[in-house]
Every structure is written in structure tokens, then in C-alpha cells.
PDB file of N, CA and C in Angstrom:
ATOM      1  N   MET A   1     -53.807   7.863 105.907  1.00  0.00           N
ATOM      2  CA  MET A   1     -53.821   9.305 105.994  1.00  0.00           C
ATOM      3  C   MET A   1     -53.323   9.859 104.665  1.00  0.00           C
ATOM      4  N   SER A   2     -54.009  10.805 104.133  1.00  0.00           N
ATOM      5  CA  SER A   2     -53.624  11.392 102.862  1.00  0.00           C
ATOM      6  C   SER A   2     -53.138  12.812 103.063  1.00  0.00           C
ATOM      7  N   VAL A   3     -52.585  13.372 102.013  1.00  0.00           N
ATOM      8  CA  VAL A   3     -52.148  14.761 102.053  1.00  0.00           C
ATOM      9  C   VAL A   3     -53.326  15.653 102.403  1.00  0.00           C
ATOM     10  N   GLU A   4     -54.507  15.337 101.887  1.00  0.00           N
ATOM     11  CA  GLU A   4     -55.680  16.152 102.151  1.00  0.00           C
ATOM     12  C   GLU A   4     -56.062  16.124 103.631  1.00  0.00           C
ATOM     13  N   ASP A   5     -55.799  15.014 104.325  1.00  0.00           N
ATOM     14  CA  ASP A   5     -56.106  14.936 105.753  1.00  0.00           C
ATOM     15  C   ASP A   5     -55.312  15.972 106.540  1.00  0.00           C
ATOM     16  N   HIS A   6     -54.133  16.305 106.062  1.00  0.00           N
ATOM     17  CA  HIS A   6     -53.293  17.291 106.729  1.00  0.00           C
ATOM     18  C   HIS A   6     -53.663  18.702 106.286  1.00  0.00           C
ATOM     19  N   GLY A   7     -54.477  18.807 105.264  1.00  0.00           N
ATOM     20  CA  GLY A   7     -54.868  20.121 104.794  1.00  0.00           C
ATOM     21  C   GLY A   7     -53.891  20.697 103.792  1.00  0.00           C
ATOM     22  N   THR A   8     -53.105  19.859 103.178  1.00  0.00           N
ATOM     23  CA  THR A   8     -52.160  20.336 102.181  1.00  0.00           C
ATOM     24  C   THR A   8     -52.482  19.700 100.850  1.00  0.00           C
ATOM     25  N   THR A   9     -51.980  20.291  99.829  1.00  0.00           N
ATOM     26  CA  THR A   9     -52.155  19.747  98.496  1.00  0.00           C
ATOM     27  C   THR A   9     -50.798  19.722  97.824  1.00  0.00           C
ATOM     28  N   ALA A  10     -50.374  18.564  97.391  1.00  0.00           N
ATOM     29  CA  ALA A  10     -49.117  18.483  96.648  1.00  0.00           C
ATOM     30  C   ALA A  10     -49.347  19.120  95.289  1.00  0.00           C
ATOM     31  N   ARG A  11     -48.545  20.077  94.968  1.00  0.00           N
ATOM     32  CA  ARG A  11     -48.711  20.792  93.705  1.00  0.00           C
ATOM     33  C   ARG A  11     -47.495  20.550  92.834  1.00  0.00           C
ATOM     34  N   GLY A  12     -47.730  20.496  91.543  1.00  0.00           N
ATOM     35  CA  GLY A  12     -46.630  20.365  90.602  1.00  0.00           C
ATOM     36  C   GLY A  12     -46.172  18.926  90.497  1.00  0.00           C
ATOM     37  N   ALA A  13     -45.444  18.656  89.460  1.00  0.00           N
ATOM     38  CA  ALA A  13     -44.877  17.331  89.253  1.00  0.00           C
ATOM     39  C   ALA A  13     -43.369  17.441  89.305  1.00  0.00           C
ATOM     40  N   THR A  14     -42.722  16.372  89.673  1.00  0.00           N
ATOM     41  CA  THR A  14     -41.276  16.416  89.771  1.00  0.00           C
ATOM     42  C   THR A  14     -40.615  16.471  88.403  1.00  0.00           C
ATOM     43  N   THR A  15     -41.399  16.284  87.368  1.00  0.00           N
ATOM     44  CA  THR A  15     -40.854  16.358  86.019  1.00  0.00           C
ATOM     45  C   THR A  15     -41.274  17.658  85.332  1.00  0.00           C
ATOM     46  N   ALA A  16     -41.534  18.684  86.113  1.00  0.00           N
ATOM     47  CA  ALA A  16     -42.033  19.948  85.574  1.00  0.00           C
ATOM     48  C   ALA A  16     -41.025  20.587  84.630  1.00  0.00           C
ATOM     49  N   SER A  17     -41.554  21.264  83.631  1.00  0.00           N
ATOM     50  CA  SER A  17     -40.695  21.997  82.713  1.00  0.00           C
ATOM     51  C   SER A  17     -40.314  23.329  83.348  1.00  0.00           C
ATOM     52  N   ASP A  18     -39.442  24.084  82.692  1.00  0.00           N
ATOM     53  CA  ASP A  18     -39.002  25.367  83.216  1.00  0.00           C
ATOM     54  C   ASP A  18     -40.161  26.342  83.373  1.00  0.00           C
ATOM     55  N   ASP A  19     -41.232  26.171  82.609  1.00  0.00           N
ATOM     56  CA  ASP A  19     -42.367  27.073  82.669  1.00  0.00           C
ATOM     57  C   ASP A  19     -43.297  26.769  83.834  1.00  0.00           C
ATOM     58  N   ASP A  20     -43.194  25.579  84.421  1.00  0.00           N
ATOM     59  CA  ASP A  20     -44.063  25.188  85.520  1.00  0.00           C
ATOM     60  C   ASP A  20     -43.437  25.604  86.844  1.00  0.00           C
ATOM     61  N   GLU A  21     -44.262  26.153  87.713  1.00  0.00           N
ATOM     62  CA  GLU A  21     -43.801  26.541  89.041  1.00  0.00           C
ATOM     63  C   GLU A  21     -44.185  25.449  90.022  1.00  0.00           C
ATOM     64  N   LEU A  22     -43.280  25.112  90.903  1.00  0.00           N
ATOM     65  CA  LEU A  22     -43.553  24.125  91.941  1.00  0.00           C
ATOM     66  C   LEU A  22     -43.838  24.883  93.224  1.00  0.00           C
ATOM     67  N   PHE A  23     -45.006  24.644  93.816  1.00  0.00           N
ATOM     68  CA  PHE A  23     -45.434  25.373  94.993  1.00  0.00           C
ATOM     69  C   PHE A  23     -45.342  24.515  96.245  1.00  0.00           C
ATOM     70  N   CYS A  24     -45.140  25.182  97.356  1.00  0.00           N
ATOM     71  CA  CYS A  24     -45.092  24.547  98.665  1.00  0.00           C
ATOM     72  C   CYS A  24     -46.406  23.819  98.933  1.00  0.00           C
ATOM     73  N   SER A  25     -46.327  22.655  99.574  1.00  0.00           N
ATOM     74  CA  SER A  25     -47.504  21.849  99.900  1.00  0.00           C
ATOM     75  C   SER A  25     -48.225  22.305 101.165  1.00  0.00           C
ATOM     76  N   ALA A  26     -47.642  23.233 101.922  1.00  0.00           N
ATOM     77  CA  ALA A  26     -48.299  23.704 103.147  1.00  0.00           C
ATOM     78  C   ALA A  26     -49.601  24.417 102.800  1.00  0.00           C
ATOM     79  N   ARG A  27     -50.595  24.202 103.615  1.00  0.00           N
ATOM     80  CA  ARG A  27     -51.925  24.777 103.377  1.00  0.00           C
ATOM     81  C   ARG A  27     -51.840  26.292 103.200  1.00  0.00           C
ATOM     82  N   GLY A  28     -52.370  26.763 102.090  1.00  0.00           N
ATOM     83  CA  GLY A  28     -52.446  28.192 101.818  1.00  0.00           C
ATOM     84  C   GLY A  28     -51.166  28.835 101.342  1.00  0.00           C
ATOM     85  N   CYS A  29     -50.084  28.101 101.284  1.00  0.00           N
ATOM     86  CA  CYS A  29     -48.803  28.676 100.865  1.00  0.00           C
ATOM     87  C   CYS A  29     -48.694  28.641  99.344  1.00  0.00           C
ATOM     88  N   ARG A  30     -48.293  29.751  98.768  1.00  0.00           N
ATOM     89  CA  ARG A  30     -48.101  29.834  97.320  1.00  0.00           C
ATOM     90  C   ARG A  30     -46.643  30.168  96.989  1.00  0.00           C
ATOM     91  N   GLU A  31     -45.752  29.911  97.945  1.00  0.00           N
ATOM     92  CA  GLU A  31     -44.337  30.174  97.730  1.00  0.00           C
ATOM     93  C   GLU A  31     -43.720  29.095  96.847  1.00  0.00           C
ATOM     94  N   HIS A  32     -42.660  29.466  96.174  1.00  0.00           N
ATOM     95  CA  HIS A  32     -41.910  28.534  95.333  1.00  0.00           C
ATOM     96  C   HIS A  32     -41.302  27.442  96.213  1.00  0.00           C
ATOM     97  N   ALA A  33     -41.443  26.197  95.803  1.00  0.00           N
ATOM     98  CA  ALA A  33     -40.877  25.071  96.554  1.00  0.00           C
ATOM     99  C   ALA A  33     -39.402  24.909  96.233  1.00  0.00           C
ATOM    100  N   THR A  34     -38.608  24.753  97.273  1.00  0.00           N
ATOM    101  CA  THR A  34     -37.173  24.528  97.102  1.00  0.00           C
ATOM    102  C   THR A  34     -36.739  23.165  97.636  1.00  0.00           C
ATOM    103  N   TRP A  35     -37.645  22.493  98.335  1.00  0.00           N
ATOM    104  CA  TRP A  35     -37.330  21.205  98.953  1.00  0.00           C
ATOM    105  C   TRP A  35     -38.362  20.151  98.574  1.00  0.00           C
ATOM    106  N   GLY A  36     -37.882  18.922  98.451  1.00  0.00           N
ATOM    107  CA  GLY A  36     -38.757  17.773  98.248  1.00  0.00           C
ATOM    108  C   GLY A  36     -38.647  16.864  99.454  1.00  0.00           C
ATOM    109  N   LEU A  37     -39.743  16.667 100.165  1.00  0.00           N
ATOM    110  CA  LEU A  37     -39.774  15.792 101.332  1.00  0.00           C
ATOM    111  C   LEU A  37     -40.311  14.444 100.877  1.00  0.00           C
ATOM    112  N   ARG A  38     -39.422  13.467 100.828  1.00  0.00           N
ATOM    113  CA  ARG A  38     -39.821  12.133 100.372  1.00  0.00           C
ATOM    114  C   ARG A  38     -40.284  11.319 101.574  1.00  0.00           C
ATOM    115  N   TRP A  39     -41.432  10.657 101.418  1.00  0.00           N
ATOM    116  CA  TRP A  39     -42.035   9.928 102.523  1.00  0.00           C
ATOM    117  C   TRP A  39     -42.806   8.736 102.000  1.00  0.00           C
ATOM    118  N   ASN A  40     -43.173   7.868 102.929  1.00  0.00           N
ATOM    119  CA  ASN A  40     -44.136   6.813 102.634  1.00  0.00           C
ATOM    120  C   ASN A  40     -44.798   6.370 103.923  1.00  0.00           C
ATOM    121  N   ASN A  41     -45.967   5.818 103.781  1.00  0.00           N
ATOM    122  CA  ASN A  41     -46.704   5.250 104.897  1.00  0.00           C
ATOM    123  C   ASN A  41     -46.474   3.742 104.821  1.00  0.00           C
ATOM    124  N   PRO A  42     -45.695   3.191 105.744  1.00  0.00           N
ATOM    125  CA  PRO A  42     -45.357   1.763 105.649  1.00  0.00           C
ATOM    126  C   PRO A  42     -46.565   0.827 105.731  1.00  0.00           C
ATOM    127  N   ARG A  43     -47.678   1.300 106.239  1.00  0.00           N
ATOM    128  CA  ARG A  43     -48.887   0.462 106.277  1.00  0.00           C
ATOM    129  C   ARG A  43     -49.571   0.408 104.919  1.00  0.00           C
ATOM    130  N   LEU A  44     -49.281   1.377 104.050  1.00  0.00           N
ATOM    131  CA  LEU A  44     -49.942   1.438 102.749  1.00  0.00           C
ATOM    132  C   LEU A  44     -49.009   1.222 101.564  1.00  0.00           C
ATOM    133  N   HIS A  45     -47.747   1.620 101.705  1.00  0.00           N
ATOM    134  CA  HIS A  45     -46.813   1.621 100.578  1.00  0.00           C
ATOM    135  C   HIS A  45     -45.711   0.587 100.757  1.00  0.00           C
ATOM    136  N   THR A  46     -45.210   0.095  99.647  1.00  0.00           N
ATOM    137  CA  THR A  46     -44.054  -0.792  99.700  1.00  0.00           C
ATOM    138  C   THR A  46     -42.853   0.007 100.188  1.00  0.00           C
ATOM    139  N   PRO A  47     -41.844  -0.651 100.770  1.00  0.00           N
ATOM    140  CA  PRO A  47     -40.706   0.072 101.348  1.00  0.00           C
ATOM    141  C   PRO A  47     -39.979   1.002 100.377  1.00  0.00           C
ATOM    142  N   GLU A  48     -39.925   0.639  99.104  1.00  0.00           N
ATOM    143  CA  GLU A  48     -39.189   1.478  98.142  1.00  0.00           C
ATOM    144  C   GLU A  48     -40.023   2.635  97.583  1.00  0.00           C
ATOM    145  N   ARG A  49     -41.322   2.624  97.792  1.00  0.00           N
ATOM    146  CA  ARG A  49     -42.207   3.673  97.273  1.00  0.00           C
ATOM    147  C   ARG A  49     -41.957   4.990  97.989  1.00  0.00           C
ATOM    148  N   ARG A  50     -41.904   6.073  97.231  1.00  0.00           N
ATOM    149  CA  ARG A  50     -41.741   7.394  97.807  1.00  0.00           C
ATOM    150  C   ARG A  50     -42.807   8.329  97.261  1.00  0.00           C
ATOM    151  N   LYS A  51     -43.486   8.998  98.173  1.00  0.00           N
ATOM    152  CA  LYS A  51     -44.403  10.076  97.846  1.00  0.00           C
ATOM    153  C   LYS A  51     -43.613  11.361  98.122  1.00  0.00           C
ATOM    154  N   VAL A  52     -44.045  12.474  97.565  1.00  0.00           N
ATOM    155  CA  VAL A  52     -43.297  13.722  97.747  1.00  0.00           C
ATOM    156  C   VAL A  52     -44.245  14.848  98.123  1.00  0.00           C
ATOM    157  N   TRP A  53     -43.875  15.566  99.168  1.00  0.00           N
ATOM    158  CA  TRP A  53     -44.469  16.860  99.467  1.00  0.00           C
ATOM    159  C   TRP A  53     -43.408  17.878  99.122  1.00  0.00           C
ATOM    160  N   LEU A  54     -43.822  18.990  98.587  1.00  0.00           N
ATOM    161  CA  LEU A  54     -42.911  20.075  98.268  1.00  0.00           C
ATOM    162  C   LEU A  54     -42.964  21.110  99.375  1.00  0.00           C
ATOM    163  N   ALA A  55     -41.828  21.758  99.654  1.00  0.00           N
ATOM    164  CA  ALA A  55     -41.780  22.738 100.741  1.00  0.00           C
ATOM    165  C   ALA A  55     -40.939  23.940 100.361  1.00  0.00           C
ATOM    166  N   CYS A  56     -41.387  25.097 100.836  1.00  0.00           N
ATOM    167  CA  CYS A  56     -40.570  26.302 100.749  1.00  0.00           C
ATOM    168  C   CYS A  56     -39.652  26.304 101.975  1.00  0.00           C
ATOM    169  N   ASP A  57     -38.723  27.234 102.028  1.00  0.00           N
ATOM    170  CA  ASP A  57     -37.810  27.292 103.174  1.00  0.00           C
ATOM    171  C   ASP A  57     -38.553  27.495 104.493  1.00  0.00           C
ATOM    172  N   ALA A  58     -39.606  28.301 104.475  1.00  0.00           N
ATOM    173  CA  ALA A  58     -40.340  28.620 105.702  1.00  0.00           C
ATOM    174  C   ALA A  58     -41.122  27.430 106.261  1.00  0.00           C
ATOM    175  N   HIS A  59     -41.566  26.520 105.417  1.00  0.00           N
ATOM    176  CA  HIS A  59     -42.403  25.401 105.873  1.00  0.00           C
ATOM    177  C   HIS A  59     -41.689  24.049 105.912  1.00  0.00           C
ATOM    178  N   ARG A  60     -40.447  24.013 105.494  1.00  0.00           N
ATOM    179  CA  ARG A  60     -39.716  22.735 105.446  1.00  0.00           C
ATOM    180  C   ARG A  60     -39.725  22.018 106.792  1.00  0.00           C
ATOM    181  N   GLU A  61     -39.296  22.693 107.837  1.00  0.00           N
ATOM    182  CA  GLU A  61     -39.184  22.053 109.147  1.00  0.00           C
ATOM    183  C   GLU A  61     -40.548  21.575 109.655  1.00  0.00           C
ATOM    184  N   HIS A  62     -41.566  22.390 109.514  1.00  0.00           N
ATOM    185  CA  HIS A  62     -42.907  22.018 109.979  1.00  0.00           C
ATOM    186  C   HIS A  62     -43.408  20.752 109.265  1.00  0.00           C
ATOM    187  N   LEU A  63     -43.270  20.701 107.951  1.00  0.00           N
ATOM    188  CA  LEU A  63     -43.739  19.539 107.201  1.00  0.00           C
ATOM    189  C   LEU A  63     -42.904  18.297 107.518  1.00  0.00           C
ATOM    190  N   GLU A  64     -41.580  18.476 107.688  1.00  0.00           N
ATOM    191  CA  GLU A  64     -40.737  17.340 108.082  1.00  0.00           C
ATOM    192  C   GLU A  64     -41.172  16.789 109.430  1.00  0.00           C
ATOM    193  N   GLN A  65     -41.446  17.662 110.392  1.00  0.00           N
ATOM    194  CA  GLN A  65     -41.866  17.221 111.723  1.00  0.00           C
ATOM    195  C   GLN A  65     -43.202  16.499 111.666  1.00  0.00           C
ATOM    196  N   TYR A  66     -44.124  17.031 110.865  1.00  0.00           N
ATOM    197  CA  TYR A  66     -45.431  16.391 110.724  1.00  0.00           C
ATOM    198  C   TYR A  66     -45.271  14.954 110.225  1.00  0.00           C
ATOM    199  N   LEU A  67     -44.445  14.766 109.206  1.00  0.00           N
ATOM    200  CA  LEU A  67     -44.218  13.425 108.665  1.00  0.00           C
ATOM    201  C   LEU A  67     -43.437  12.543 109.640  1.00  0.00           C
ATOM    202  N   ALA A  68     -42.438  13.110 110.304  1.00  0.00           N
ATOM    203  CA  ALA A  68     -41.585  12.340 111.212  1.00  0.00           C
ATOM    204  C   ALA A  68     -42.363  11.800 112.412  1.00  0.00           C
ATOM    205  N   VAL A  69     -43.259  12.596 112.972  1.00  0.00           N
ATOM    206  CA  VAL A  69     -44.051  12.164 114.125  1.00  0.00           C
ATOM    207  C   VAL A  69     -44.855  10.914 113.787  1.00  0.00           C
ATOM    208  N   ARG A  70     -45.252  10.788 112.545  1.00  0.00           N
ATOM    209  CA  ARG A  70     -46.049   9.650 112.104  1.00  0.00           C
ATOM    210  C   ARG A  70     -45.185   8.496 111.577  1.00  0.00           C
ATOM    211  N   GLY A  71     -43.865   8.705 111.546  1.00  0.00           N
ATOM    212  CA  GLY A  71     -42.964   7.677 111.040  1.00  0.00           C
ATOM    213  C   GLY A  71     -42.947   7.586 109.526  1.00  0.00           C
ATOM    214  N   PHE A  72     -43.352   8.646 108.835  1.00  0.00           N
ATOM    215  CA  PHE A  72     -43.457   8.636 107.377  1.00  0.00           C
ATOM    216  C   PHE A  72     -42.249   9.259 106.679  1.00  0.00           C
ATOM    217  N   HIS A  73     -41.571  10.219 107.307  1.00  0.00           N
ATOM    218  CA  HIS A  73     -40.493  10.960 106.643  1.00  0.00           C
ATOM    219  C   HIS A  73     -39.316  10.047 106.345  1.00  0.00           C
ATOM    220  N   ARG A  74     -38.843  10.071 105.118  1.00  0.00           N
ATOM    221  CA  ARG A  74     -37.686   9.256 104.726  1.00  0.00           C
ATOM    222  C   ARG A  74     -36.452  10.126 104.491  1.00  0.00           C
ATOM    223  N   ASP A  75     -36.594  11.187 103.710  1.00  0.00           N
ATOM    224  CA  ASP A  75     -35.485  12.114 103.517  1.00  0.00           C
ATOM    225  C   ASP A  75     -35.992  13.387 102.859  1.00  0.00           C
ATOM    226  N   THR A  76     -35.118  14.388 102.860  1.00  0.00           N
ATOM    227  CA  THR A  76     -35.423  15.674 102.238  1.00  0.00           C
ATOM    228  C   THR A  76     -34.293  16.000 101.281  1.00  0.00           C
ATOM    229  N   VAL A  77     -34.650  16.404 100.082  1.00  0.00           N
ATOM    230  CA  VAL A  77     -33.669  16.760  99.069  1.00  0.00           C
ATOM    231  C   VAL A  77     -34.077  18.071  98.415  1.00  0.00           C
ATOM    232  N   ALA A  78     -33.124  18.719  97.784  1.00  0.00           N
ATOM    233  CA  ALA A  78     -33.445  19.908  97.000  1.00  0.00           C
ATOM    234  C   ALA A  78     -34.361  19.508  95.851  1.00  0.00           C
ATOM    235  N   VAL A  79     -35.263  20.395  95.475  1.00  0.00           N
ATOM    236  CA  VAL A  79     -36.196  20.104  94.383  1.00  0.00           C
ATOM    237  C   VAL A  79     -35.451  19.643  93.137  1.00  0.00           C
ATOM    238  N   ASP A  80     -34.317  20.252  92.863  1.00  0.00           N
ATOM    239  CA  ASP A  80     -33.529  19.883  91.679  1.00  0.00           C
ATOM    240  C   ASP A  80     -33.019  18.450  91.728  1.00  0.00           C
ATOM    241  N   ALA A  81     -32.944  17.855  92.918  1.00  0.00           N
ATOM    242  CA  ALA A  81     -32.428  16.497  93.081  1.00  0.00           C
ATOM    243  C   ALA A  81     -33.529  15.434  92.988  1.00  0.00           C
ATOM    244  N   LEU A  82     -34.788  15.857  92.899  1.00  0.00           N
ATOM    245  CA  LEU A  82     -35.877  14.879  92.792  1.00  0.00           C
ATOM    246  C   LEU A  82     -35.777  14.139  91.475  1.00  0.00           C
ATOM    247  N   GLU A  83     -36.093  12.854  91.542  1.00  0.00           N
ATOM    248  CA  GLU A  83     -36.089  11.998  90.362  1.00  0.00           C
ATOM    249  C   GLU A  83     -37.483  11.944  89.753  1.00  0.00           C
ATOM    250  N   PRO A  84     -37.595  11.708  88.450  1.00  0.00           N
ATOM    251  CA  PRO A  84     -38.925  11.571  87.847  1.00  0.00           C
ATOM    252  C   PRO A  84     -39.770  10.479  88.474  1.00  0.00           C
ATOM    253  N   THR A  85     -39.143   9.489  89.090  1.00  0.00           N
ATOM    254  CA  THR A  85     -39.889   8.403  89.726  1.00  0.00           C
ATOM    255  C   THR A  85     -40.354   8.746  91.131  1.00  0.00           C
ATOM    256  N   ASP A  86     -39.885   9.860  91.705  1.00  0.00           N
ATOM    257  CA  ASP A  86     -40.329  10.285  93.025  1.00  0.00           C
ATOM    258  C   ASP A  86     -41.771  10.757  92.944  1.00  0.00           C
ATOM    259  N   GLY A  87     -42.541  10.389  93.950  1.00  0.00           N
ATOM    260  CA  GLY A  87     -43.906  10.896  94.068  1.00  0.00           C
ATOM    261  C   GLY A  87     -44.842  10.205  93.185  1.00  0.00           C
TER     262      GLY A  87
END
């Protein structure tokens, strides 16, 4: 299952400069992302691999639940806490 299957698009990179805006991954949302939802699909990714969806405050819980139901959600951190190796 990919991000596109859920109808979302991961936008921005975790190494964005101050001029780059990080947007929420929820479909149609153009709000500034404040959260990084780190996840992996254990059938496809090694245990240490982390993919990242970005979330605004309004969509954080919904995206976390979507990932959790599938057993993909690993943790959620503030965007500022994301590492360059995330995602």
C-alpha cells in the first residue's frame, strides 16, 4: 500500500530549508505541517526503515489512526524533531 493508495501525497522533504514549506499529507490539505508521522510497512520495509507522512494539527489524529489500523504507525514527532534520514 502506498501513500497514493490512501489519496495523500507526502510533500516536502525533512531537510527543507527555511524557504520551503512543509504541507500536510492529508488529501487536499494545504496547511502547514507541524507533525511527522513515522511509519513502515513490515511486509515491505526493514524494521529500522521509517517513511514519513506530514500532518497539520487538524489531520494528525486521522492519519495516525489510518496508519495504526494497518499496523504501520511507529511514532509521531514534531516536524522540527525529524532527522534527515527519516522518510
